[in-house]
Amino acid sequence: MPVQHCPFHATQLAAQIPPGPHYHRPWRILHAPQIRQEIGQLDAQTDCQRIVYLLTCYEFPFDITRSLELALFHTFGSRSVSRLLDSTGEFEQRGQLRYDDTSMLIAQFMEAGWDRDLGHRAIERMNAIHARYRIRNDDFLFVLWTFIDFPIVWMASYGWRTFTEHESQAWFNYWLGIGQRMGLRDLPKDRESYDRWIQSYEQREMVYAETNARVAQATLSVMEHWFPSVLRPWVKPVVACMLRPQLRKALGWPHPPGWRIACIKGVLQLRARIKSFVSMERYPNLLNSRSYRSYPGLRMQPEQLGPDCSSKLAGDV
């Protein structure tokens, strides 16, 4: 029988928020400097969950969401990863649902942390979904690296401020902790060694494959339906400007004109400059304030997210 929709109650969700001070925007539009002061006083290792919560829900809600979307898109350039995703048919048949399920699971453990009930259950559900497939450890490490690297790089390019070195270390520690709870082997101990490992991986796996192009196109189709029909032809050209050159090559996409890349980057940098003076998002931006197209008005339990567990297992990748 299908799982019944069971939305969270506000009191249940509030209990999952990591303990600590809550902040309000001065004059309802300015950034609260106390957030950065608290982050600076926290330990990048033992307090990384709290730091990630503050960065995600207060300082950079829009930027982290966009950077993680790009991170997931980057994984389609791996022929090994795309082969598995293409074999499931989930992106082509239920692309918006898979996007919402992934986004909600990640939001649950980023907001609650990995120790609290909601975050722990979200990680357990993610592991249960992954266990249905034979996924190589190298591919897990590659995907995890994108979640570390892309937000740090995005903030340096388009954020209203960059991550401090302290914040970058806490961000790395947090995702390393997620990798440990996923049971990944041979996790690099620092970002530099991880980056070197990724260079070797991408030389082997980030090459053109038809499955790369199919999964990317299925995802683009989902993104196009977020906009009015008149704007949909511009989705791919804009996305192409945001991709790294190696990924465009692996997807078989042409290099965009330089003027178009400059325009897109200019708009994002203008937004960053404006946002350096005023805070634009809800404060804090929590799970119960976000909308998901597949679950209008609902907040699903972690166990209700992901593909039907009765689906046939995919083959080796």
C-alpha atoms as a PDB file:
ATOM      1  CA  MET A   1       0.000   0.000   0.000  1.00  0.00           C
ATOM      2  CA  PRO A   2       1.265   3.504  -0.696  1.00  0.00           C
ATOM      3  CA  VAL A   3       2.467   5.493   2.279  1.00  0.00           C
ATOM      4  CA  GLN A   4      -0.107   8.034   3.445  1.00  0.00           C
ATOM      5  CA  HIS A   5       0.886  11.676   3.460  1.00  0.00           C
ATOM      6  CA  CYS A   6       1.575  12.791   7.012  1.00  0.00           C
ATOM      7  CA  PRO A   7       2.638  16.423   7.328  1.00  0.00           C
ATOM      8  CA  PHE A   8       4.727  17.681  10.225  1.00  0.00           C
ATOM      9  CA  HIS A   9       3.057  19.745  12.895  1.00  0.00           C
ATOM     10  CA  ALA A  10       4.821  23.037  13.627  1.00  0.00           C
ATOM     11  CA  THR A  11       5.594  21.994  17.213  1.00  0.00           C
ATOM     12  CA  GLN A  12       7.107  18.728  16.016  1.00  0.00           C
ATOM     13  CA  LEU A  13       9.330  20.520  13.502  1.00  0.00           C
ATOM     14  CA  ALA A  14      10.387  23.226  15.944  1.00  0.00           C
ATOM     15  CA  ALA A  15      11.657  20.533  18.297  1.00  0.00           C
ATOM     16  CA  GLN A  16      14.125  19.437  15.633  1.00  0.00           C
ATOM     17  CA  ILE A  17      15.912  22.798  15.327  1.00  0.00           C
ATOM     18  CA  PRO A  18      19.408  22.611  16.879  1.00  0.00           C
ATOM     19  CA  PRO A  19      19.599  24.319  20.281  1.00  0.00           C
ATOM     20  CA  GLY A  20      21.048  27.798  20.407  1.00  0.00           C
ATOM     21  CA  PRO A  21      20.054  31.465  20.102  1.00  0.00           C
ATOM     22  CA  HIS A  22      17.482  32.579  17.557  1.00  0.00           C
ATOM     23  CA  TYR A  23      18.105  35.773  15.619  1.00  0.00           C
ATOM     24  CA  HIS A  24      16.047  38.569  14.088  1.00  0.00           C
ATOM     25  CA  ARG A  25      16.998  40.999  11.340  1.00  0.00           C
ATOM     26  CA  PRO A  26      17.630  44.561  12.532  1.00  0.00           C
ATOM     27  CA  TRP A  27      14.935  46.789  11.013  1.00  0.00           C
ATOM     28  CA  ARG A  28      13.669  43.617   9.278  1.00  0.00           C
ATOM     29  CA  ILE A  29      16.115  44.077   6.374  1.00  0.00           C
ATOM     30  CA  LEU A  30      19.668  44.075   7.754  1.00  0.00           C
ATOM     31  CA  HIS A  31      21.958  41.150   8.494  1.00  0.00           C
ATOM     32  CA  ALA A  32      22.327  40.268  12.163  1.00  0.00           C
ATOM     33  CA  PRO A  33      26.054  40.573  13.017  1.00  0.00           C
ATOM     34  CA  GLN A  34      25.514  38.347  16.062  1.00  0.00           C
ATOM     35  CA  ILE A  35      25.279  35.334  13.745  1.00  0.00           C
ATOM     36  CA  ARG A  36      28.847  35.733  12.521  1.00  0.00           C
ATOM     37  CA  GLN A  37      29.945  36.458  16.073  1.00  0.00           C
ATOM     38  CA  GLU A  38      28.442  33.186  17.262  1.00  0.00           C
ATOM     39  CA  ILE A  39      29.960  31.238  14.376  1.00  0.00           C
ATOM     40  CA  GLY A  40      33.384  32.691  15.191  1.00  0.00           C
ATOM     41  CA  GLN A  41      33.078  31.491  18.778  1.00  0.00           C
ATOM     42  CA  LEU A  42      32.088  27.934  17.832  1.00  0.00           C
ATOM     43  CA  ASP A  43      34.482  25.055  17.210  1.00  0.00           C
ATOM     44  CA  ALA A  44      34.758  24.059  13.530  1.00  0.00           C
ATOM     45  CA  GLN A  45      34.829  20.361  14.445  1.00  0.00           C
ATOM     46  CA  THR A  46      32.586  19.777  17.458  1.00  0.00           C
ATOM     47  CA  ASP A  47      30.105  22.540  16.546  1.00  0.00           C
ATOM     48  CA  CYS A  48      30.010  22.039  12.777  1.00  0.00           C
ATOM     49  CA  GLN A  49      26.315  21.072  12.834  1.00  0.00           C
ATOM     50  CA  ARG A  50      25.343  24.360  14.463  1.00  0.00           C
ATOM     51  CA  ILE A  51      27.573  26.333  12.088  1.00  0.00           C
ATOM     52  CA  VAL A  52      26.019  24.652   9.035  1.00  0.00           C
ATOM     53  CA  TYR A  53      22.557  25.387  10.421  1.00  0.00           C
ATOM     54  CA  LEU A  54      23.399  29.074  10.825  1.00  0.00           C
ATOM     55  CA  LEU A  55      24.931  29.296   7.350  1.00  0.00           C
ATOM     56  CA  THR A  56      22.036  27.448   5.699  1.00  0.00           C
ATOM     57  CA  CYS A  57      19.044  28.933   7.497  1.00  0.00           C
ATOM     58  CA  TYR A  58      20.272  32.468   8.244  1.00  0.00           C
ATOM     59  CA  GLU A  59      23.275  33.652   6.254  1.00  0.00           C
ATOM     60  CA  PHE A  60      22.951  31.991   2.827  1.00  0.00           C
ATOM     61  CA  PRO A  61      19.604  30.171   2.311  1.00  0.00           C
ATOM     62  CA  PHE A  62      19.236  31.119  -1.369  1.00  0.00           C
ATOM     63  CA  ASP A  63      22.911  30.750  -2.238  1.00  0.00           C
ATOM     64  CA  ILE A  64      23.365  27.357  -0.613  1.00  0.00           C
ATOM     65  CA  THR A  65      20.233  26.016  -2.324  1.00  0.00           C
ATOM     66  CA  ARG A  66      21.420  27.194  -5.740  1.00  0.00           C
ATOM     67  CA  SER A  67      24.965  25.919  -5.193  1.00  0.00           C
ATOM     68  CA  LEU A  68      23.698  22.481  -4.152  1.00  0.00           C
ATOM     69  CA  GLU A  69      21.495  22.353  -7.250  1.00  0.00           C
ATOM     70  CA  LEU A  70      24.603  22.990  -9.345  1.00  0.00           C
ATOM     71  CA  ALA A  71      26.462  20.369  -7.321  1.00  0.00           C
ATOM     72  CA  LEU A  72      23.851  17.735  -8.139  1.00  0.00           C
ATOM     73  CA  PHE A  73      23.881  18.761 -11.807  1.00  0.00           C
ATOM     74  CA  HIS A  74      27.663  18.390 -11.841  1.00  0.00           C
ATOM     75  CA  THR A  75      27.345  14.738 -10.837  1.00  0.00           C
ATOM     76  CA  PHE A  76      25.568  14.013 -14.140  1.00  0.00           C
ATOM     77  CA  GLY A  77      28.917  14.501 -15.873  1.00  0.00           C
ATOM     78  CA  SER A  78      30.252  11.272 -14.384  1.00  0.00           C
ATOM     79  CA  ARG A  79      29.464   8.455 -16.809  1.00  0.00           C
ATOM     80  CA  SER A  80      29.371   6.037 -13.882  1.00  0.00           C
ATOM     81  CA  VAL A  81      26.876   8.103 -11.887  1.00  0.00           C
ATOM     82  CA  SER A  82      24.697   8.960 -14.887  1.00  0.00           C
ATOM     83  CA  ARG A  83      24.587   5.302 -15.956  1.00  0.00           C
ATOM     84  CA  LEU A  84      22.961   4.389 -12.665  1.00  0.00           C
ATOM     85  CA  LEU A  85      20.574   7.361 -12.637  1.00  0.00           C
ATOM     86  CA  ASP A  86      19.553   6.680 -16.235  1.00  0.00           C
ATOM     87  CA  SER A  87      18.951   2.976 -15.541  1.00  0.00           C
ATOM     88  CA  THR A  88      16.382   3.751 -12.821  1.00  0.00           C
ATOM     89  CA  GLY A  89      14.250   5.878 -15.147  1.00  0.00           C
ATOM     90  CA  GLU A  90      13.306   8.008 -12.143  1.00  0.00           C
ATOM     91  CA  PHE A  91      14.616  11.309 -13.501  1.00  0.00           C
ATOM     92  CA  GLU A  92      12.831  10.890 -16.818  1.00  0.00           C
ATOM     93  CA  GLN A  93       9.523   9.633 -15.398  1.00  0.00           C
ATOM     94  CA  ARG A  94       9.311  11.376 -12.018  1.00  0.00           C
ATOM     95  CA  GLY A  95      11.891  14.134 -12.208  1.00  0.00           C
ATOM     96  CA  GLN A  96      10.096  16.743 -10.074  1.00  0.00           C
ATOM     97  CA  LEU A  97       9.264  14.167  -7.408  1.00  0.00           C
ATOM     98  CA  ARG A  98      12.873  12.970  -7.218  1.00  0.00           C
ATOM     99  CA  TYR A  99      14.055  16.571  -7.017  1.00  0.00           C
ATOM    100  CA  ASP A 100      11.655  17.351  -4.175  1.00  0.00           C
ATOM    101  CA  ASP A 101      12.458  14.146  -2.284  1.00  0.00           C
ATOM    102  CA  THR A 102      16.193  14.808  -2.509  1.00  0.00           C
ATOM    103  CA  SER A 103      15.804  18.465  -1.532  1.00  0.00           C
ATOM    104  CA  MET A 104      13.602  17.653   1.451  1.00  0.00           C
ATOM    105  CA  LEU A 105      15.848  14.879   2.789  1.00  0.00           C
ATOM    106  CA  ILE A 106      18.911  17.114   2.546  1.00  0.00           C
ATOM    107  CA  ALA A 107      17.040  20.014   4.171  1.00  0.00           C
ATOM    108  CA  GLN A 108      15.948  17.753   7.026  1.00  0.00           C
ATOM    109  CA  PHE A 109      19.435  16.687   8.058  1.00  0.00           C
ATOM    110  CA  MET A 110      21.053  20.053   7.326  1.00  0.00           C
ATOM    111  CA  GLU A 111      18.486  21.826   9.471  1.00  0.00           C
ATOM    112  CA  ALA A 112      18.280  19.297  12.304  1.00  0.00           C
ATOM    113  CA  GLY A 113      21.850  17.974  12.176  1.00  0.00           C
ATOM    114  CA  TRP A 114      22.762  14.314  12.212  1.00  0.00           C
ATOM    115  CA  ASP A 115      22.239  13.651  15.942  1.00  0.00           C
ATOM    116  CA  ARG A 116      18.648  14.805  16.373  1.00  0.00           C
ATOM    117  CA  ASP A 117      15.731  12.539  15.473  1.00  0.00           C
ATOM    118  CA  LEU A 118      14.629  14.136  12.206  1.00  0.00           C
ATOM    119  CA  GLY A 119      18.170  14.479  10.845  1.00  0.00           C
ATOM    120  CA  HIS A 120      19.136  10.950  11.913  1.00  0.00           C
ATOM    121  CA  ARG A 121      16.026   9.503  10.261  1.00  0.00           C
ATOM    122  CA  ALA A 122      16.658  11.480   7.057  1.00  0.00           C
ATOM    123  CA  ILE A 123      20.197  10.065   6.813  1.00  0.00           C
ATOM    124  CA  GLU A 124      18.906   6.565   7.543  1.00  0.00           C
ATOM    125  CA  ARG A 125      16.313   6.941   4.795  1.00  0.00           C
ATOM    126  CA  MET A 126      18.945   8.192   2.361  1.00  0.00           C
ATOM    127  CA  ASN A 127      21.117   5.179   3.187  1.00  0.00           C
ATOM    128  CA  ALA A 128      18.173   2.823   2.703  1.00  0.00           C
ATOM    129  CA  ILE A 129      17.507   4.270  -0.757  1.00  0.00           C
ATOM    130  CA  HIS A 130      21.167   3.977  -1.738  1.00  0.00           C
ATOM    131  CA  ALA A 131      21.300   0.378  -0.478  1.00  0.00           C
ATOM    132  CA  ARG A 132      18.886  -0.618  -3.237  1.00  0.00           C
ATOM    133  CA  TYR A 133      21.624  -0.026  -5.807  1.00  0.00           C
ATOM    134  CA  ARG A 134      25.176  -1.220  -6.238  1.00  0.00           C
ATOM    135  CA  ILE A 135      27.000   2.088  -6.066  1.00  0.00           C
ATOM    136  CA  ARG A 136      30.764   2.314  -6.166  1.00  0.00           C
ATOM    137  CA  ASN A 137      32.515   3.942  -3.230  1.00  0.00           C
ATOM    138  CA  ASP A 138      34.361   6.234  -5.654  1.00  0.00           C
ATOM    139  CA  ASP A 139      31.048   7.570  -6.981  1.00  0.00           C
ATOM    140  CA  PHE A 140      29.819   8.240  -3.446  1.00  0.00           C
ATOM    141  CA  LEU A 141      33.020  10.162  -2.726  1.00  0.00           C
ATOM    142  CA  PHE A 142      32.601  12.188  -5.907  1.00  0.00           C
ATOM    143  CA  VAL A 143      29.010  13.196  -5.097  1.00  0.00           C
ATOM    144  CA  LEU A 144      29.927  14.054  -1.515  1.00  0.00           C
ATOM    145  CA  TRP A 145      32.794  16.251  -2.739  1.00  0.00           C
ATOM    146  CA  THR A 146      30.403  18.326  -4.868  1.00  0.00           C
ATOM    147  CA  PHE A 147      28.405  19.152  -1.731  1.00  0.00           C
ATOM    148  CA  ILE A 148      31.594  20.386  -0.083  1.00  0.00           C
ATOM    149  CA  ASP A 149      33.158  22.254  -2.981  1.00  0.00           C
ATOM    150  CA  PHE A 150      30.290  23.952  -4.790  1.00  0.00           C
ATOM    151  CA  PRO A 151      28.869  26.051  -1.927  1.00  0.00           C
ATOM    152  CA  ILE A 152      32.350  27.259  -0.943  1.00  0.00           C
ATOM    153  CA  VAL A 153      33.163  28.234  -4.541  1.00  0.00           C
ATOM    154  CA  TRP A 154      29.715  29.764  -5.119  1.00  0.00           C
ATOM    155  CA  MET A 155      30.034  31.962  -2.050  1.00  0.00           C
ATOM    156  CA  ALA A 156      33.432  33.199  -3.231  1.00  0.00           C
ATOM    157  CA  SER A 157      31.948  34.122  -6.626  1.00  0.00           C
ATOM    158  CA  TYR A 158      28.321  35.086  -6.008  1.00  0.00           C
ATOM    159  CA  GLY A 159      27.674  35.191  -2.261  1.00  0.00           C
ATOM    160  CA  TRP A 160      27.063  38.444  -0.411  1.00  0.00           C
ATOM    161  CA  ARG A 161      30.225  37.475   1.459  1.00  0.00           C
ATOM    162  CA  THR A 162      32.625  34.585   1.189  1.00  0.00           C
ATOM    163  CA  PHE A 163      32.850  31.755   3.685  1.00  0.00           C
ATOM    164  CA  THR A 164      35.555  32.479   6.217  1.00  0.00           C
ATOM    165  CA  GLU A 165      38.312  29.895   6.547  1.00  0.00           C
ATOM    166  CA  HIS A 166      36.690  28.863   9.821  1.00  0.00           C
ATOM    167  CA  GLU A 167      33.310  28.377   8.115  1.00  0.00           C
ATOM    168  CA  SER A 168      34.870  26.467   5.207  1.00  0.00           C
ATOM    169  CA  GLN A 169      36.528  24.082   7.651  1.00  0.00           C
ATOM    170  CA  ALA A 170      33.270  23.567   9.547  1.00  0.00           C
ATOM    171  CA  TRP A 171      31.455  22.967   6.228  1.00  0.00           C
ATOM    172  CA  PHE A 172      34.056  20.360   5.284  1.00  0.00           C
ATOM    173  CA  ASN A 173      33.835  18.696   8.705  1.00  0.00           C
ATOM    174  CA  TYR A 174      30.057  18.533   8.513  1.00  0.00           C
ATOM    175  CA  TRP A 175      29.980  16.753   5.172  1.00  0.00           C
ATOM    176  CA  LEU A 176      32.808  14.473   6.235  1.00  0.00           C
ATOM    177  CA  GLY A 177      30.551  13.497   9.135  1.00  0.00           C
ATOM    178  CA  ILE A 178      27.718  12.807   6.678  1.00  0.00           C
ATOM    179  CA  GLY A 179      30.072  10.624   4.639  1.00  0.00           C
ATOM    180  CA  GLN A 180      31.029   8.658   7.739  1.00  0.00           C
ATOM    181  CA  ARG A 181      27.358   8.084   8.538  1.00  0.00           C
ATOM    182  CA  MET A 182      26.845   6.861   4.986  1.00  0.00           C
ATOM    183  CA  GLY A 183      29.554   4.266   5.553  1.00  0.00           C
ATOM    184  CA  LEU A 184      31.930   5.655   2.906  1.00  0.00           C
ATOM    185  CA  ARG A 185      35.458   4.246   2.840  1.00  0.00           C
ATOM    186  CA  ASP A 186      38.747   6.099   2.328  1.00  0.00           C
ATOM    187  CA  LEU A 187      37.369   9.553   3.101  1.00  0.00           C
ATOM    188  CA  PRO A 188      40.117  12.169   2.606  1.00  0.00           C
ATOM    189  CA  LYS A 189      41.074  13.938   5.818  1.00  0.00           C
ATOM    190  CA  ASP A 190      41.403  17.440   4.365  1.00  0.00           C
ATOM    191  CA  ARG A 191      40.062  19.430   1.436  1.00  0.00           C
ATOM    192  CA  GLU A 192      43.382  19.615  -0.414  1.00  0.00           C
ATOM    193  CA  SER A 193      43.804  15.834  -0.579  1.00  0.00           C
ATOM    194  CA  TYR A 194      40.119  15.482  -1.495  1.00  0.00           C
ATOM    195  CA  ASP A 195      40.579  17.925  -4.394  1.00  0.00           C
ATOM    196  CA  ARG A 196      43.591  15.959  -5.652  1.00  0.00           C
ATOM    197  CA  TRP A 197      41.596  12.735  -5.532  1.00  0.00           C
ATOM    198  CA  ILE A 198      38.743  14.372  -7.440  1.00  0.00           C
ATOM    199  CA  GLN A 199      41.080  15.501 -10.217  1.00  0.00           C
ATOM    200  CA  SER A 200      42.040  11.875 -10.790  1.00  0.00           C
ATOM    201  CA  TYR A 201      38.423  10.719 -10.632  1.00  0.00           C
ATOM    202  CA  GLU A 202      37.188  13.326 -13.119  1.00  0.00           C
ATOM    203  CA  GLN A 203      39.972  12.504 -15.558  1.00  0.00           C
ATOM    204  CA  ARG A 204      38.660   8.929 -15.616  1.00  0.00           C
ATOM    205  CA  GLU A 205      34.910   9.383 -15.357  1.00  0.00           C
ATOM    206  CA  MET A 206      33.941  12.883 -16.490  1.00  0.00           C
ATOM    207  CA  VAL A 207      33.845  12.133 -20.194  1.00  0.00           C
ATOM    208  CA  TYR A 208      31.009  12.330 -22.663  1.00  0.00           C
ATOM    209  CA  ALA A 209      28.364   9.595 -22.465  1.00  0.00           C
ATOM    210  CA  GLU A 210      24.817   9.467 -23.795  1.00  0.00           C
ATOM    211  CA  THR A 211      23.532   8.755 -20.297  1.00  0.00           C
ATOM    212  CA  ASN A 212      25.086  12.026 -19.104  1.00  0.00           C
ATOM    213  CA  ALA A 213      23.127  13.949 -21.728  1.00  0.00           C
ATOM    214  CA  ARG A 214      19.856  12.092 -21.053  1.00  0.00           C
ATOM    215  CA  VAL A 215      19.866  12.629 -17.290  1.00  0.00           C
ATOM    216  CA  ALA A 216      20.842  16.289 -17.721  1.00  0.00           C
ATOM    217  CA  GLN A 217      18.045  16.830 -20.257  1.00  0.00           C
ATOM    218  CA  ALA A 218      15.489  15.154 -17.972  1.00  0.00           C
ATOM    219  CA  THR A 219      16.538  17.502 -15.170  1.00  0.00           C
ATOM    220  CA  LEU A 220      16.382  20.526 -17.483  1.00  0.00           C
ATOM    221  CA  SER A 221      12.814  19.559 -18.383  1.00  0.00           C
ATOM    222  CA  VAL A 222      11.918  19.725 -14.706  1.00  0.00           C
ATOM    223  CA  MET A 223      13.577  23.126 -14.327  1.00  0.00           C
ATOM    224  CA  GLU A 224      11.850  24.501 -17.429  1.00  0.00           C
ATOM    225  CA  HIS A 225       8.455  23.870 -15.865  1.00  0.00           C
ATOM    226  CA  TRP A 226       9.342  26.144 -12.952  1.00  0.00           C
ATOM    227  CA  PHE A 227       8.958  29.112 -15.325  1.00  0.00           C
ATOM    228  CA  PRO A 228       6.290  30.528 -17.662  1.00  0.00           C
ATOM    229  CA  SER A 229       6.380  29.024 -21.139  1.00  0.00           C
ATOM    230  CA  VAL A 230       7.833  32.200 -22.652  1.00  0.00           C
ATOM    231  CA  LEU A 231      10.960  31.851 -20.496  1.00  0.00           C
ATOM    232  CA  ARG A 232      11.533  28.111 -20.877  1.00  0.00           C
ATOM    233  CA  PRO A 233      13.731  28.335 -24.010  1.00  0.00           C
ATOM    234  CA  TRP A 234      16.207  30.366 -21.922  1.00  0.00           C
ATOM    235  CA  VAL A 235      16.636  27.801 -19.157  1.00  0.00           C
ATOM    236  CA  LYS A 236      19.280  25.690 -20.893  1.00  0.00           C
ATOM    237  CA  PRO A 237      21.338  28.688 -22.148  1.00  0.00           C
ATOM    238  CA  VAL A 238      21.385  30.171 -18.640  1.00  0.00           C
ATOM    239  CA  VAL A 239      22.221  26.862 -16.960  1.00  0.00           C
ATOM    240  CA  ALA A 240      25.000  26.248 -19.478  1.00  0.00           C
ATOM    241  CA  CYS A 241      26.642  29.511 -18.416  1.00  0.00           C
ATOM    242  CA  MET A 242      26.768  28.286 -14.804  1.00  0.00           C
ATOM    243  CA  LEU A 243      28.390  24.921 -15.547  1.00  0.00           C
ATOM    244  CA  ARG A 244      32.092  24.210 -15.332  1.00  0.00           C
ATOM    245  CA  PRO A 245      33.758  23.669 -18.728  1.00  0.00           C
ATOM    246  CA  GLN A 246      34.590  20.019 -18.029  1.00  0.00           C
ATOM    247  CA  LEU A 247      30.930  19.288 -17.294  1.00  0.00           C
ATOM    248  CA  ARG A 248      29.706  20.986 -20.473  1.00  0.00           C
ATOM    249  CA  LYS A 249      32.102  18.797 -22.435  1.00  0.00           C
ATOM    250  CA  ALA A 250      30.913  15.663 -20.647  1.00  0.00           C
ATOM    251  CA  LEU A 251      27.295  16.563 -21.519  1.00  0.00           C
ATOM    252  CA  GLY A 252      28.127  17.369 -25.130  1.00  0.00           C
ATOM    253  CA  TRP A 253      26.998  20.968 -24.691  1.00  0.00           C
ATOM    254  CA  PRO A 254      28.702  23.753 -26.662  1.00  0.00           C
ATOM    255  CA  HIS A 255      30.582  26.506 -24.865  1.00  0.00           C
ATOM    256  CA  PRO A 256      28.248  29.520 -24.442  1.00  0.00           C
ATOM    257  CA  PRO A 257      29.188  32.899 -25.911  1.00  0.00           C
ATOM    258  CA  GLY A 258      31.427  34.935 -23.632  1.00  0.00           C
ATOM    259  CA  TRP A 259      28.950  37.850 -23.510  1.00  0.00           C
ATOM    260  CA  ARG A 260      26.212  35.562 -22.204  1.00  0.00           C
ATOM    261  CA  ILE A 261      28.414  34.158 -19.440  1.00  0.00           C
ATOM    262  CA  ALA A 262      29.438  37.701 -18.490  1.00  0.00           C
ATOM    263  CA  CYS A 263      25.782  38.825 -18.333  1.00  0.00           C
ATOM    264  CA  ILE A 264      24.672  35.934 -16.106  1.00  0.00           C
ATOM    265  CA  LYS A 265      27.621  36.352 -13.785  1.00  0.00           C
ATOM    266  CA  GLY A 266      27.082  40.110 -13.724  1.00  0.00           C
ATOM    267  CA  VAL A 267      23.459  39.708 -12.615  1.00  0.00           C
ATOM    268  CA  LEU A 268      24.488  37.331  -9.820  1.00  0.00           C
ATOM    269  CA  GLN A 269      27.259  39.630  -8.690  1.00  0.00           C
ATOM    270  CA  LEU A 270      24.884  42.604  -8.695  1.00  0.00           C
ATOM    271  CA  ARG A 271      22.499  40.612  -6.496  1.00  0.00           C
ATOM    272  CA  ALA A 272      25.398  39.799  -4.169  1.00  0.00           C
ATOM    273  CA  ARG A 273      26.313  43.478  -3.891  1.00  0.00           C
ATOM    274  CA  ILE A 274      22.723  44.440  -3.033  1.00  0.00           C
ATOM    275  CA  LYS A 275      22.409  41.595  -0.562  1.00  0.00           C
ATOM    276  CA  SER A 276      25.587  42.693   1.203  1.00  0.00           C
ATOM    277  CA  PHE A 277      23.493  45.613   2.493  1.00  0.00           C
ATOM    278  CA  VAL A 278      20.067  44.008   2.956  1.00  0.00           C
ATOM    279  CA  SER A 279      18.864  40.503   3.808  1.00  0.00           C
ATOM    280  CA  MET A 280      16.322  39.266   1.288  1.00  0.00           C
ATOM    281  CA  GLU A 281      15.200  35.839   2.541  1.00  0.00           C
ATOM    282  CA  ARG A 282      13.014  34.687   5.413  1.00  0.00           C
ATOM    283  CA  TYR A 283      14.948  34.783   8.681  1.00  0.00           C
ATOM    284  CA  PRO A 284      15.468  31.984   9.508  1.00  0.00           C
ATOM    285  CA  ASN A 285      14.575  30.043   6.358  1.00  0.00           C
ATOM    286  CA  LEU A 286      13.289  26.788   7.833  1.00  0.00           C
ATOM    287  CA  LEU A 287      11.815  23.620   6.382  1.00  0.00           C
ATOM    288  CA  ASN A 288       8.280  24.562   7.391  1.00  0.00           C
ATOM    289  CA  SER A 289       8.510  27.822   5.413  1.00  0.00           C
ATOM    290  CA  ARG A 290       9.458  26.229   2.073  1.00  0.00           C
ATOM    291  CA  SER A 291       7.166  24.858  -0.634  1.00  0.00           C
ATOM    292  CA  TYR A 292       7.611  21.679  -2.653  1.00  0.00           C
ATOM    293  CA  ARG A 293       5.701  21.186  -5.895  1.00  0.00           C
ATOM    294  CA  SER A 294       5.186  17.459  -5.336  1.00  0.00           C
ATOM    295  CA  TYR A 295       3.809  17.974  -1.819  1.00  0.00           C
ATOM    296  CA  PRO A 296       1.826  21.231  -1.787  1.00  0.00           C
ATOM    297  CA  GLY A 297       1.142  22.208   1.793  1.00  0.00           C
ATOM    298  CA  LEU A 298       2.713  19.033   3.195  1.00  0.00           C
ATOM    299  CA  ARG A 299       5.958  18.230   5.033  1.00  0.00           C
ATOM    300  CA  MET A 300       6.712  14.564   4.553  1.00  0.00           C
ATOM    301  CA  GLN A 301       8.310  12.233   7.063  1.00  0.00           C
ATOM    302  CA  PRO A 302      11.761  10.978   5.932  1.00  0.00           C
ATOM    303  CA  GLU A 303      10.432   7.427   5.558  1.00  0.00           C
ATOM    304  CA  GLN A 304       7.884   8.659   2.988  1.00  0.00           C
ATOM    305  CA  LEU A 305      10.486  10.102   0.621  1.00  0.00           C
ATOM    306  CA  GLY A 306      12.302   8.360  -2.219  1.00  0.00           C
ATOM    307  CA  PRO A 307      11.524   5.696  -4.829  1.00  0.00           C
ATOM    308  CA  ASP A 308       9.172   2.820  -4.035  1.00  0.00           C
ATOM    309  CA  CYS A 309      11.276   0.205  -2.262  1.00  0.00           C
ATOM    310  CA  SER A 310       9.596  -2.565  -4.246  1.00  0.00           C
ATOM    311  CA  SER A 311      11.301  -1.347  -7.418  1.00  0.00           C
ATOM    312  CA  LYS A 312      13.726  -3.692  -9.089  1.00  0.00           C
ATOM    313  CA  LEU A 313      17.376  -3.245  -8.188  1.00  0.00           C
ATOM    314  CA  ALA A 314      19.621  -1.804 -10.841  1.00  0.00           C
ATOM    315  CA  GLY A 315      22.636  -3.721 -12.046  1.00  0.00           C
ATOM    316  CA  ASP A 316      26.304  -3.120 -11.324  1.00  0.00           C
ATOM    317  CA  VAL A 317      27.715   0.252 -12.301  1.00  0.00           C
END
